[in-house]
Protein backbone atom coordinates (compact mmCIF):
# COMPACT_ATOMS: atom_id res chain seq x y z
CA UNK A 1 4.56 -10.70 -20.40
CA UNK A 2 2.08 -9.60 -17.78
CA UNK A 3 -0.09 -6.64 -18.55
CA UNK A 4 -0.09 -3.93 -15.88
CA UNK A 5 -2.10 -0.77 -15.42
CA UNK A 6 -0.56 2.59 -16.38
CA UNK A 7 -0.42 3.56 -12.58
CA UNK A 8 1.98 0.53 -11.84
CA UNK A 9 3.68 0.89 -15.22
CA UNK A 10 4.65 4.62 -14.24
CA UNK A 11 6.38 3.66 -11.04
CA UNK A 12 10.12 4.19 -11.39
CA UNK A 13 11.29 3.17 -7.94
CA UNK A 14 9.52 1.33 -5.22
CA UNK A 15 9.03 3.16 -1.98
CA UNK A 16 9.65 0.99 1.15
CA UNK A 17 8.47 1.48 4.68
CA UNK A 18 10.71 3.48 7.11
CA UNK A 19 9.11 1.62 10.03
CA UNK A 20 6.86 -1.56 10.11
CA UNK A 21 3.99 0.18 11.90
CA UNK A 22 0.61 1.60 10.63
CA UNK A 23 0.99 5.37 11.04
CA UNK A 24 -2.64 5.84 11.80
CA UNK A 25 -3.23 2.80 14.09
CA UNK A 26 -0.27 3.93 16.16
CA UNK A 27 -2.01 7.32 16.81
CA UNK A 28 -5.08 5.72 18.20
CA UNK A 29 -3.64 2.45 19.91
CA UNK A 30 -5.09 0.38 17.10
CA UNK A 31 -3.56 -2.87 15.68
CA UNK A 32 -3.14 -4.17 12.17
CA UNK A 33 -2.51 -7.44 10.44
CA UNK A 34 -0.37 -6.64 7.47
CA UNK A 35 1.10 -3.30 6.21
CA UNK A 36 1.22 -1.56 2.81
CA UNK A 37 3.24 1.37 1.59
CA UNK A 38 1.72 4.05 -0.59
CA UNK A 39 3.80 4.45 -3.96
CA UNK A 40 2.87 8.07 -4.19
CA UNK A 41 3.67 9.57 -0.79
CA UNK A 42 5.42 6.73 1.08
CA UNK A 43 2.84 6.48 3.85
CA UNK A 44 2.79 3.03 5.58
CA UNK A 45 -0.68 1.93 6.60
CA UNK A 46 -2.68 -1.23 7.45
CA UNK A 47 -4.28 -3.57 5.00
CA UNK A 48 -8.04 -4.53 4.47
CA UNK A 49 -7.68 -7.56 6.77
CA UNK A 50 -6.96 -5.08 9.59
CA UNK A 51 -9.88 -3.52 11.53
CA UNK A 52 -9.28 0.04 10.31
CA UNK A 53 -8.39 -0.48 6.68
CA UNK A 54 -6.21 2.62 6.66
CA UNK A 55 -4.46 2.07 3.30
CA UNK A 56 -7.95 1.75 1.47
CA UNK A 57 -9.05 4.94 3.27
CA UNK A 58 -5.90 6.64 2.17
CA UNK A 59 -6.60 5.76 -1.41
CA UNK A 60 -10.27 7.06 -1.15
CA UNK A 61 -9.06 10.27 0.52
CA UNK A 62 -6.08 11.19 -1.48
CA UNK A 63 -6.60 9.18 -4.87
CA UNK A 64 -3.05 7.84 -4.56
CA UNK A 65 -3.65 4.49 -6.58
CA UNK A 66 -0.70 2.20 -5.91
CA UNK A 67 0.41 0.48 -2.76
CA UNK A 68 3.14 -2.17 -2.17
CA UNK A 69 3.28 -4.83 0.50
CA UNK A 70 5.43 -3.76 3.36
CA UNK A 71 5.74 -7.20 4.68
CA UNK A 72 9.22 -8.77 4.69
CA UNK A 73 9.62 -11.09 1.80
CA UNK A 74 6.58 -9.98 -0.15
CA UNK A 75 7.28 -8.12 -3.42
CA UNK A 76 4.10 -6.96 -5.07
CA UNK A 77 2.09 -3.82 -6.10
CA UNK A 78 -1.67 -3.40 -6.00
CA UNK A 79 -3.45 -0.58 -7.93
CA UNK A 80 -6.78 0.30 -6.09
CA UNK A 81 -8.09 2.42 -8.97
CA UNK A 82 -7.61 -0.43 -11.57
CA UNK A 83 -7.71 -3.46 -9.34
CA UNK A 84 -4.43 -4.58 -10.89
CA UNK A 85 -1.90 -6.86 -9.16
CA UNK A 86 1.78 -7.46 -10.18
CA UNK A 87 4.70 -9.27 -8.39
CA UNK A 88 8.15 -7.87 -8.91
C-alpha cells in the first residue's frame, strides 16, 4: 500500500473544476499549460509549467496544501507541503 501524507489522507471527496480555465490567467489575458484544482477551496489555477504558476502561488499565499489535476483523464493529487504524490 502506498504511504500518503496526512493532508492527502484527510481528503474525503475530490473537488473537480467547474470550468477548465485558470481563474487568475483569465483575469489578465494570460495563458496556461495544465490546470490544477485546490482541494481546500476548489480554485482552479495553472500549473508550474505555465508562465504564472498560479497554483503554487495559491499554496504559498493560502497554505492550502493539496491540488488535483484538472486535466481530463488524469487522476492524481499533489501535496505542496509534503511533496507527496498519489494517483487515485
